[in-house]
PDB file of N, CA and C in Angstrom:
ATOM      1  N   UNK A   1      -1.630 -29.050 -22.145  1.00  0.00           N
ATOM      2  CA  UNK A   1      -0.965 -28.575 -22.836  1.00  0.00           C
ATOM      3  C   UNK A   1       0.152 -29.768 -23.392  1.00  0.00           C
ATOM      4  N   UNK A   2       0.617 -29.344 -24.878  1.00  0.00           N
ATOM      5  CA  UNK A   2       1.237 -30.502 -25.267  1.00  0.00           C
ATOM      6  C   UNK A   2       2.469 -29.783 -25.492  1.00  0.00           C
ATOM      7  N   UNK A   3       3.447 -31.541 -26.038  1.00  0.00           N
ATOM      8  CA  UNK A   3       4.683 -31.056 -26.377  1.00  0.00           C
ATOM      9  C   UNK A   3       4.998 -31.412 -28.030  1.00  0.00           C
ATOM     10  N   UNK A   4       5.869 -31.266 -28.605  1.00  0.00           N
ATOM     11  CA  UNK A   4       6.291 -31.517 -30.017  1.00  0.00           C
ATOM     12  C   UNK A   4       7.602 -31.518 -30.319  1.00  0.00           C
ATOM     13  N   UNK A   5       8.529 -32.217 -29.957  1.00  0.00           N
ATOM     14  CA  UNK A   5       9.952 -31.996 -29.750  1.00  0.00           C
ATOM     15  C   UNK A   5      10.569 -31.753 -31.298  1.00  0.00           C
ATOM     16  N   UNK A   6       9.797 -32.462 -32.365  1.00  0.00           N
ATOM     17  CA  UNK A   6       9.903 -32.043 -33.724  1.00  0.00           C
ATOM     18  C   UNK A   6      10.046 -30.870 -34.295  1.00  0.00           C
ATOM     19  N   UNK A   7       8.923 -30.084 -33.797  1.00  0.00           N
ATOM     20  CA  UNK A   7       8.653 -28.664 -34.072  1.00  0.00           C
ATOM     21  C   UNK A   7       8.913 -27.504 -33.071  1.00  0.00           C
ATOM     22  N   UNK A   8       9.698 -28.234 -32.184  1.00  0.00           N
ATOM     23  CA  UNK A   8      10.399 -27.322 -31.072  1.00  0.00           C
ATOM     24  C   UNK A   8       9.041 -26.292 -30.544  1.00  0.00           C
ATOM     25  N   UNK A   9       7.952 -27.117 -29.950  1.00  0.00           N
ATOM     26  CA  UNK A   9       6.950 -26.770 -29.238  1.00  0.00           C
ATOM     27  C   UNK A   9       6.806 -27.380 -27.762  1.00  0.00           C
ATOM     28  N   UNK A  10       6.985 -26.484 -26.977  1.00  0.00           N
ATOM     29  CA  UNK A  10       7.000 -26.936 -25.473  1.00  0.00           C
ATOM     30  C   UNK A  10       5.987 -26.286 -24.883  1.00  0.00           C
ATOM     31  N   UNK A  11       5.014 -27.210 -23.881  1.00  0.00           N
ATOM     32  CA  UNK A  11       4.156 -26.609 -22.891  1.00  0.00           C
ATOM     33  C   UNK A  11       3.109 -25.436 -23.789  1.00  0.00           C
ATOM     34  N   UNK A  12       2.849 -26.312 -25.336  1.00  0.00           N
ATOM     35  CA  UNK A  12       1.954 -24.764 -25.598  1.00  0.00           C
ATOM     36  C   UNK A  12       0.441 -25.231 -24.740  1.00  0.00           C
ATOM     37  N   UNK A  13      -0.570 -24.590 -24.411  1.00  0.00           N
ATOM     38  CA  UNK A  13      -1.682 -25.178 -23.903  1.00  0.00           C
ATOM     39  C   UNK A  13      -3.030 -24.689 -24.705  1.00  0.00           C
ATOM     40  N   UNK A  14      -3.596 -25.871 -24.114  1.00  0.00           N
ATOM     41  CA  UNK A  14      -5.036 -25.671 -24.812  1.00  0.00           C
ATOM     42  C   UNK A  14      -6.101 -24.917 -24.192  1.00  0.00           C
ATOM     43  N   UNK A  15      -6.741 -24.079 -24.980  1.00  0.00           N
ATOM     44  CA  UNK A  15      -7.656 -22.825 -24.354  1.00  0.00           C
ATOM     45  C   UNK A  15      -8.750 -22.603 -25.001  1.00  0.00           C
ATOM     46  N   UNK A  16      -9.657 -22.343 -24.407  1.00  0.00           N
ATOM     47  CA  UNK A  16     -11.109 -21.824 -24.822  1.00  0.00           C
ATOM     48  C   UNK A  16     -11.947 -22.920 -25.685  1.00  0.00           C
ATOM     49  N   UNK A  17     -12.078 -24.121 -24.494  1.00  0.00           N
ATOM     50  CA  UNK A  17     -12.951 -25.013 -24.621  1.00  0.00           C
ATOM     51  C   UNK A  17     -12.121 -26.247 -25.015  1.00  0.00           C
ATOM     52  N   UNK A  18     -10.860 -25.878 -25.709  1.00  0.00           N
ATOM     53  CA  UNK A  18     -10.229 -27.461 -26.290  1.00  0.00           C
ATOM     54  C   UNK A  18      -9.463 -27.983 -25.373  1.00  0.00           C
ATOM     55  N   UNK A  19      -9.407 -27.220 -23.682  1.00  0.00           N
ATOM     56  CA  UNK A  19      -8.988 -28.148 -22.529  1.00  0.00           C
ATOM     57  C   UNK A  19     -10.075 -29.130 -22.044  1.00  0.00           C
ATOM     58  N   UNK A  20     -11.367 -28.695 -22.057  1.00  0.00           N
ATOM     59  CA  UNK A  20     -12.524 -29.380 -21.767  1.00  0.00           C
ATOM     60  C   UNK A  20     -12.672 -30.363 -22.644  1.00  0.00           C
ATOM     61  N   UNK A  21     -12.471 -30.349 -24.225  1.00  0.00           N
ATOM     62  CA  UNK A  21     -12.642 -31.332 -25.100  1.00  0.00           C
ATOM     63  C   UNK A  21     -11.553 -32.702 -24.545  1.00  0.00           C
ATOM     64  N   UNK A  22     -10.393 -32.267 -24.738  1.00  0.00           N
ATOM     65  CA  UNK A  22      -9.614 -33.118 -24.233  1.00  0.00           C
ATOM     66  C   UNK A  22      -9.623 -33.897 -23.003  1.00  0.00           C
ATOM     67  N   UNK A  23     -10.114 -33.202 -21.861  1.00  0.00           N
ATOM     68  CA  UNK A  23     -10.742 -33.747 -20.415  1.00  0.00           C
ATOM     69  C   UNK A  23     -11.637 -34.703 -21.071  1.00  0.00           C
ATOM     70  N   UNK A  24     -12.674 -34.528 -22.356  1.00  0.00           N
ATOM     71  CA  UNK A  24     -13.637 -35.539 -22.229  1.00  0.00           C
ATOM     72  C   UNK A  24     -12.979 -36.711 -22.732  1.00  0.00           C
ATOM     73  N   UNK A  25     -12.208 -36.770 -23.634  1.00  0.00           N
ATOM     74  CA  UNK A  25     -11.367 -37.561 -24.569  1.00  0.00           C
ATOM     75  C   UNK A  25     -11.123 -38.350 -23.357  1.00  0.00           C
ATOM     76  N   UNK A  26     -10.054 -37.957 -22.714  1.00  0.00           N
ATOM     77  CA  UNK A  26      -9.164 -38.656 -21.475  1.00  0.00           C
ATOM     78  C   UNK A  26      -9.848 -39.358 -20.588  1.00  0.00           C
ATOM     79  N   UNK A  27     -11.424 -38.662 -20.102  1.00  0.00           N
ATOM     80  CA  UNK A  27     -11.779 -39.859 -19.152  1.00  0.00           C
ATOM     81  C   UNK A  27     -12.604 -40.693 -20.225  1.00  0.00           C
ATOM     82  N   UNK A  28     -13.000 -40.674 -21.345  1.00  0.00           N
ATOM     83  CA  UNK A  28     -13.539 -42.053 -22.176  1.00  0.00           C
ATOM     84  C   UNK A  28     -12.211 -42.912 -22.139  1.00  0.00           C
ATOM     85  N   UNK A  29     -11.063 -42.533 -22.318  1.00  0.00           N
ATOM     86  CA  UNK A  29      -9.864 -43.410 -22.355  1.00  0.00           C
ATOM     87  C   UNK A  29      -9.299 -44.055 -21.092  1.00  0.00           C
ATOM     88  N   UNK A  30      -9.729 -43.138 -20.322  1.00  0.00           N
ATOM     89  CA  UNK A  30      -9.296 -43.545 -18.644  1.00  0.00           C
ATOM     90  C   UNK A  30      -7.950 -43.267 -18.710  1.00  0.00           C
ATOM     91  N   UNK A  31      -7.517 -42.358 -19.393  1.00  0.00           N
ATOM     92  CA  UNK A  31      -5.900 -41.699 -18.852  1.00  0.00           C
ATOM     93  C   UNK A  31      -5.949 -40.460 -18.047  1.00  0.00           C
ATOM     94  N   UNK A  32      -5.117 -40.197 -17.245  1.00  0.00           N
ATOM     95  CA  UNK A  32      -5.241 -39.332 -16.176  1.00  0.00           C
ATOM     96  C   UNK A  32      -4.428 -38.062 -16.902  1.00  0.00           C
ATOM     97  N   UNK A  33      -3.247 -38.345 -17.178  1.00  0.00           N
ATOM     98  CA  UNK A  33      -2.366 -37.301 -18.068  1.00  0.00           C
ATOM     99  C   UNK A  33      -1.516 -37.202 -18.909  1.00  0.00           C
ATOM    100  N   UNK A  34      -1.284 -38.246 -19.264  1.00  0.00           N
ATOM    101  CA  UNK A  34      -0.636 -38.763 -20.553  1.00  0.00           C
ATOM    102  C   UNK A  34      -1.258 -39.297 -21.554  1.00  0.00           C
ATOM    103  N   UNK A  35      -1.447 -38.856 -22.927  1.00  0.00           N
ATOM    104  CA  UNK A  35      -2.707 -39.474 -23.865  1.00  0.00           C
ATOM    105  C   UNK A  35      -1.809 -38.653 -25.100  1.00  0.00           C
ATOM    106  N   UNK A  36      -1.508 -39.827 -25.864  1.00  0.00           N
ATOM    107  CA  UNK A  36      -1.293 -38.876 -27.553  1.00  0.00           C
ATOM    108  C   UNK A  36      -2.278 -39.023 -28.183  1.00  0.00           C
ATOM    109  N   UNK A  37      -2.646 -38.038 -29.079  1.00  0.00           N
ATOM    110  CA  UNK A  37      -3.461 -38.001 -29.940  1.00  0.00           C
ATOM    111  C   UNK A  37      -2.881 -37.758 -31.172  1.00  0.00           C
ATOM    112  N   UNK A  38      -3.592 -38.777 -32.254  1.00  0.00           N
ATOM    113  CA  UNK A  38      -3.324 -38.265 -33.551  1.00  0.00           C
ATOM    114  C   UNK A  38      -3.904 -37.383 -34.230  1.00  0.00           C
ATOM    115  N   UNK A  39      -3.883 -36.560 -34.649  1.00  0.00           N
ATOM    116  CA  UNK A  39      -4.517 -35.164 -35.589  1.00  0.00           C
ATOM    117  C   UNK A  39      -4.617 -35.777 -37.274  1.00  0.00           C
ATOM    118  N   UNK A  40      -5.489 -35.644 -37.781  1.00  0.00           N
ATOM    119  CA  UNK A  40      -5.487 -35.799 -39.299  1.00  0.00           C
ATOM    120  C   UNK A  40      -6.444 -35.094 -40.034  1.00  0.00           C
ATOM    121  N   UNK A  41      -6.255 -34.653 -41.111  1.00  0.00           N
ATOM    122  CA  UNK A  41      -7.366 -34.099 -42.185  1.00  0.00           C
ATOM    123  C   UNK A  41      -8.159 -34.773 -43.102  1.00  0.00           C
ATOM    124  N   UNK A  42      -7.875 -35.863 -42.794  1.00  0.00           N
ATOM    125  CA  UNK A  42      -8.287 -37.367 -43.417  1.00  0.00           C
ATOM    126  C   UNK A  42      -8.379 -38.231 -42.842  1.00  0.00           C
ATOM    127  N   UNK A  43      -9.360 -38.956 -42.761  1.00  0.00           N
ATOM    128  CA  UNK A  43     -10.046 -40.054 -41.643  1.00  0.00           C
ATOM    129  C   UNK A  43      -8.824 -41.062 -41.475  1.00  0.00           C
ATOM    130  N   UNK A  44      -8.425 -41.430 -40.372  1.00  0.00           N
ATOM    131  CA  UNK A  44      -7.508 -42.048 -39.953  1.00  0.00           C
ATOM    132  C   UNK A  44      -8.176 -43.534 -39.133  1.00  0.00           C
ATOM    133  N   UNK A  45      -7.773 -44.589 -39.368  1.00  0.00           N
ATOM    134  CA  UNK A  45      -8.120 -45.778 -39.467  1.00  0.00           C
ATOM    135  C   UNK A  45      -8.438 -45.885 -38.174  1.00  0.00           C
ATOM    136  N   UNK A  46     -10.081 -46.425 -38.077  1.00  0.00           N
ATOM    137  CA  UNK A  46     -10.205 -46.661 -36.451  1.00  0.00           C
ATOM    138  C   UNK A  46      -9.907 -45.277 -35.729  1.00  0.00           C
ATOM    139  N   UNK A  47     -10.412 -44.182 -36.552  1.00  0.00           N
ATOM    140  CA  UNK A  47     -10.683 -42.986 -35.446  1.00  0.00           C
ATOM    141  C   UNK A  47     -11.498 -43.019 -34.961  1.00  0.00           C
ATOM    142  N   UNK A  48     -11.201 -42.079 -33.249  1.00  0.00           N
ATOM    143  CA  UNK A  48     -12.031 -42.308 -32.568  1.00  0.00           C
ATOM    144  C   UNK A  48     -12.865 -40.605 -32.608  1.00  0.00           C
ATOM    145  N   UNK A  49     -12.616 -39.904 -32.276  1.00  0.00           N
ATOM    146  CA  UNK A  49     -13.133 -38.408 -32.668  1.00  0.00           C
ATOM    147  C   UNK A  49     -12.874 -37.247 -33.998  1.00  0.00           C
ATOM    148  N   UNK A  50     -14.009 -36.750 -34.243  1.00  0.00           N
ATOM    149  CA  UNK A  50     -13.773 -35.809 -34.871  1.00  0.00           C
ATOM    150  C   UNK A  50     -13.979 -34.502 -35.052  1.00  0.00           C
ATOM    151  N   UNK A  51     -13.687 -33.436 -35.449  1.00  0.00           N
ATOM    152  CA  UNK A  51     -14.044 -31.656 -35.099  1.00  0.00           C
ATOM    153  C   UNK A  51     -14.200 -31.226 -36.269  1.00  0.00           C
ATOM    154  N   UNK A  52     -15.418 -30.477 -36.267  1.00  0.00           N
ATOM    155  CA  UNK A  52     -16.117 -29.946 -37.496  1.00  0.00           C
ATOM    156  C   UNK A  52     -15.805 -28.214 -37.435  1.00  0.00           C
ATOM    157  N   UNK A  53     -15.346 -27.956 -38.397  1.00  0.00           N
ATOM    158  CA  UNK A  53     -14.206 -26.225 -38.223  1.00  0.00           C
ATOM    159  C   UNK A  53     -15.763 -25.434 -38.483  1.00  0.00           C
ATOM    160  N   UNK A  54     -15.850 -24.483 -37.585  1.00  0.00           N
ATOM    161  CA  UNK A  54     -16.933 -23.568 -37.226  1.00  0.00           C
ATOM    162  C   UNK A  54     -16.160 -22.039 -38.093  1.00  0.00           C
ATOM    163  N   UNK A  55     -15.033 -21.712 -37.959  1.00  0.00           N
ATOM    164  CA  UNK A  55     -14.584 -20.582 -38.427  1.00  0.00           C
ATOM    165  C   UNK A  55     -13.332 -20.323 -37.906  1.00  0.00           C
ATOM    166  N   UNK A  56     -12.701 -19.543 -38.835  1.00  0.00           N
ATOM    167  CA  UNK A  56     -11.238 -19.094 -38.366  1.00  0.00           C
ATOM    168  C   UNK A  56     -11.256 -18.133 -37.468  1.00  0.00           C
ATOM    169  N   UNK A  57     -10.345 -18.091 -36.495  1.00  0.00           N
ATOM    170  CA  UNK A  57     -10.487 -17.063 -35.500  1.00  0.00           C
ATOM    171  C   UNK A  57      -9.291 -16.369 -34.640  1.00  0.00           C
ATOM    172  N   UNK A  58      -8.801 -15.554 -34.437  1.00  0.00           N
ATOM    173  CA  UNK A  58      -7.796 -15.021 -33.489  1.00  0.00           C
ATOM    174  C   UNK A  58      -6.406 -15.752 -33.887  1.00  0.00           C
ATOM    175  N   UNK A  59      -6.429 -16.104 -35.520  1.00  0.00           N
ATOM    176  CA  UNK A  59      -5.279 -16.870 -35.647  1.00  0.00           C
ATOM    177  C   UNK A  59      -5.164 -18.586 -36.101  1.00  0.00           C
ATOM    178  N   UNK A  60      -6.025 -18.805 -35.124  1.00  0.00           N
ATOM    179  CA  UNK A  60      -6.244 -20.094 -35.118  1.00  0.00           C
ATOM    180  C   UNK A  60      -7.951 -20.884 -35.324  1.00  0.00           C
ATOM    181  N   UNK A  61      -8.483 -21.315 -35.281  1.00  0.00           N
ATOM    182  CA  UNK A  61      -9.721 -21.907 -35.781  1.00  0.00           C
ATOM    183  C   UNK A  61     -10.479 -22.405 -34.504  1.00  0.00           C
ATOM    184  N   UNK A  62     -11.524 -22.229 -34.419  1.00  0.00           N
ATOM    185  CA  UNK A  62     -12.791 -22.571 -33.703  1.00  0.00           C
ATOM    186  C   UNK A  62     -13.412 -24.087 -34.053  1.00  0.00           C
ATOM    187  N   UNK A  63     -13.387 -25.132 -33.210  1.00  0.00           N
ATOM    188  CA  UNK A  63     -14.200 -26.156 -33.952  1.00  0.00           C
ATOM    189  C   UNK A  63     -15.146 -26.862 -32.985  1.00  0.00           C
ATOM    190  N   UNK A  64     -15.755 -27.849 -33.616  1.00  0.00           N
ATOM    191  CA  UNK A  64     -16.788 -28.089 -32.707  1.00  0.00           C
ATOM    192  C   UNK A  64     -16.937 -29.671 -33.312  1.00  0.00           C
ATOM    193  N   UNK A  65     -16.867 -30.222 -31.510  1.00  0.00           N
ATOM    194  CA  UNK A  65     -17.036 -31.632 -31.440  1.00  0.00           C
ATOM    195  C   UNK A  65     -18.461 -31.807 -31.224  1.00  0.00           C
ATOM    196  N   UNK A  66     -19.027 -32.890 -32.447  1.00  0.00           N
ATOM    197  CA  UNK A  66     -20.206 -33.481 -31.991  1.00  0.00           C
ATOM    198  C   UNK A  66     -20.564 -34.440 -30.813  1.00  0.00           C
ATOM    199  N   UNK A  67     -19.371 -35.277 -30.696  1.00  0.00           N
ATOM    200  CA  UNK A  67     -19.244 -36.145 -29.858  1.00  0.00           C
ATOM    201  C   UNK A  67     -19.950 -36.134 -28.198  1.00  0.00           C
ATOM    202  N   UNK A  68     -19.106 -34.544 -27.957  1.00  0.00           N
ATOM    203  CA  UNK A  68     -19.158 -34.165 -26.513  1.00  0.00           C
ATOM    204  C   UNK A  68     -19.870 -32.747 -26.824  1.00  0.00           C
ATOM    205  N   UNK A  69     -20.425 -32.388 -27.772  1.00  0.00           N
ATOM    206  CA  UNK A  69     -21.523 -31.032 -27.605  1.00  0.00           C
ATOM    207  C   UNK A  69     -20.529 -29.870 -27.405  1.00  0.00           C
ATOM    208  N   UNK A  70     -19.329 -29.847 -27.925  1.00  0.00           N
ATOM    209  CA  UNK A  70     -18.505 -28.717 -27.305  1.00  0.00           C
ATOM    210  C   UNK A  70     -17.827 -27.820 -28.355  1.00  0.00           C
ATOM    211  N   UNK A  71     -17.582 -26.496 -28.151  1.00  0.00           N
ATOM    212  CA  UNK A  71     -16.809 -25.865 -28.970  1.00  0.00           C
ATOM    213  C   UNK A  71     -15.533 -25.891 -28.498  1.00  0.00           C
ATOM    214  N   UNK A  72     -14.064 -25.826 -29.230  1.00  0.00           N
ATOM    215  CA  UNK A  72     -12.806 -25.463 -28.933  1.00  0.00           C
ATOM    216  C   UNK A  72     -11.925 -24.993 -29.693  1.00  0.00           C
ATOM    217  N   UNK A  73     -11.093 -24.104 -29.223  1.00  0.00           N
ATOM    218  CA  UNK A  73     -10.318 -22.876 -30.419  1.00  0.00           C
ATOM    219  C   UNK A  73      -9.192 -24.103 -30.549  1.00  0.00           C
ATOM    220  N   UNK A  74      -8.224 -23.652 -31.855  1.00  0.00           N
ATOM    221  CA  UNK A  74      -7.464 -24.679 -31.560  1.00  0.00           C
ATOM    222  C   UNK A  74      -6.203 -23.121 -32.144  1.00  0.00           C
ATOM    223  N   UNK A  75      -5.218 -23.270 -31.685  1.00  0.00           N
ATOM    224  CA  UNK A  75      -4.214 -22.014 -31.769  1.00  0.00           C
ATOM    225  C   UNK A  75      -3.375 -21.884 -33.126  1.00  0.00           C
ATOM    226  N   UNK A  76      -2.619 -21.057 -33.146  1.00  0.00           N
ATOM    227  CA  UNK A  76      -2.098 -21.420 -34.549  1.00  0.00           C
ATOM    228  C   UNK A  76      -0.769 -22.061 -34.952  1.00  0.00           C
ATOM    229  N   UNK A  77      -0.930 -22.696 -33.755  1.00  0.00           N
ATOM    230  CA  UNK A  77       0.248 -23.766 -33.911  1.00  0.00           C
ATOM    231  C   UNK A  77      -0.647 -25.076 -34.986  1.00  0.00           C
ATOM    232  N   UNK A  78      -1.694 -24.749 -35.081  1.00  0.00           N
ATOM    233  CA  UNK A  78      -2.373 -25.931 -35.931  1.00  0.00           C
ATOM    234  C   UNK A  78      -1.623 -25.854 -37.294  1.00  0.00           C
ATOM    235  N   UNK A  79      -0.897 -24.380 -37.786  1.00  0.00           N
ATOM    236  CA  UNK A  79      -0.498 -24.219 -39.111  1.00  0.00           C
ATOM    237  C   UNK A  79       1.034 -24.653 -38.914  1.00  0.00           C
ATOM    238  N   UNK A  80       1.161 -25.153 -38.179  1.00  0.00           N
ATOM    239  CA  UNK A  80       2.391 -26.040 -38.023  1.00  0.00           C
ATOM    240  C   UNK A  80       2.595 -27.360 -38.607  1.00  0.00           C
ATOM    241  N   UNK A  81       1.015 -27.975 -38.545  1.00  0.00           N
ATOM    242  CA  UNK A  81       0.723 -28.782 -39.030  1.00  0.00           C
ATOM    243  C   UNK A  81       0.047 -28.979 -40.096  1.00  0.00           C
ATOM    244  N   UNK A  82      -0.468 -28.138 -41.050  1.00  0.00           N
ATOM    245  CA  UNK A  82      -1.587 -27.859 -41.672  1.00  0.00           C
ATOM    246  C   UNK A  82      -1.249 -26.732 -42.623  1.00  0.00           C
ATOM    247  N   UNK A  83      -1.126 -26.755 -44.050  1.00  0.00           N
ATOM    248  CA  UNK A  83      -1.216 -25.459 -44.594  1.00  0.00           C
ATOM    249  C   UNK A  83      -1.986 -24.740 -44.797  1.00  0.00           C
ATOM    250  N   UNK A  84      -3.481 -25.141 -44.247  1.00  0.00           N
ATOM    251  CA  UNK A  84      -4.398 -24.501 -44.539  1.00  0.00           C
ATOM    252  C   UNK A  84      -5.428 -24.846 -43.512  1.00  0.00           C
ATOM    253  N   UNK A  85      -6.595 -24.213 -43.143  1.00  0.00           N
ATOM    254  CA  UNK A  85      -7.735 -24.486 -41.862  1.00  0.00           C
ATOM    255  C   UNK A  85      -8.226 -25.677 -42.205  1.00  0.00           C
ATOM    256  N   UNK A  86      -8.403 -26.788 -42.165  1.00  0.00           N
ATOM    257  CA  UNK A  86      -9.108 -28.377 -42.054  1.00  0.00           C
ATOM    258  C   UNK A  86     -10.197 -28.194 -41.913  1.00  0.00           C
ATOM    259  N   UNK A  87     -11.230 -28.459 -42.965  1.00  0.00           N
ATOM    260  CA  UNK A  87     -13.097 -28.372 -42.491  1.00  0.00           C
ATOM    261  C   UNK A  87     -12.792 -29.148 -41.595  1.00  0.00           C
ATOM    262  N   UNK A  88     -12.244 -30.616 -41.551  1.00  0.00           N
ATOM    263  CA  UNK A  88     -12.599 -31.669 -40.428  1.00  0.00           C
ATOM    264  C   UNK A  88     -11.330 -32.068 -40.147  1.00  0.00           C
ATOM    265  N   UNK A  89     -11.200 -32.243 -38.704  1.00  0.00           N
ATOM    266  CA  UNK A  89     -10.055 -32.739 -38.166  1.00  0.00           C
ATOM    267  C   UNK A  89     -10.639 -34.262 -37.610  1.00  0.00           C
ATOM    268  N   UNK A  90      -9.913 -35.508 -37.779  1.00  0.00           N
ATOM    269  CA  UNK A  90     -10.097 -36.424 -37.390  1.00  0.00           C
ATOM    270  C   UNK A  90      -9.042 -37.278 -36.265  1.00  0.00           C
ATOM    271  N   UNK A  91      -9.487 -37.352 -34.912  1.00  0.00           N
ATOM    272  CA  UNK A  91      -8.704 -37.593 -33.957  1.00  0.00           C
ATOM    273  C   UNK A  91      -8.502 -39.047 -33.620  1.00  0.00           C
ATOM    274  N   UNK A  92      -7.514 -39.469 -32.862  1.00  0.00           N
ATOM    275  CA  UNK A  92      -7.233 -41.392 -32.846  1.00  0.00           C
ATOM    276  C   UNK A  92      -6.260 -41.076 -31.462  1.00  0.00           C
ATOM    277  N   UNK A  93      -6.924 -41.354 -30.164  1.00  0.00           N
ATOM    278  CA  UNK A  93      -6.024 -41.414 -29.123  1.00  0.00           C
ATOM    279  C   UNK A  93      -5.419 -42.838 -28.773  1.00  0.00           C
ATOM    280  N   UNK A  94      -4.133 -42.667 -28.700  1.00  0.00           N
ATOM    281  CA  UNK A  94      -3.570 -43.959 -28.302  1.00  0.00           C
ATOM    282  C   UNK A  94      -2.605 -43.798 -27.045  1.00  0.00           C
TER     283      UNK A  94
END
């Protein structure tokens, strides 16, 4: 789950495959619990991972991680950060 005090989002769960993608990222970065991920719809310097849009679904969007060969759903909170559904998301673990 994630918190974002700036947008008053607290304990928002990752579900439907997204938590497994995050577990994979955490295991590669050797972090157990706390991890910060930077999401961008444009390449980030030294970005670590990417997600490709499959389709919009249930108010959010399904994305595919080629790095982990997994599909994960991002909830409607995605649109707090992006005005439209990004075709690709870049992630950097910090």
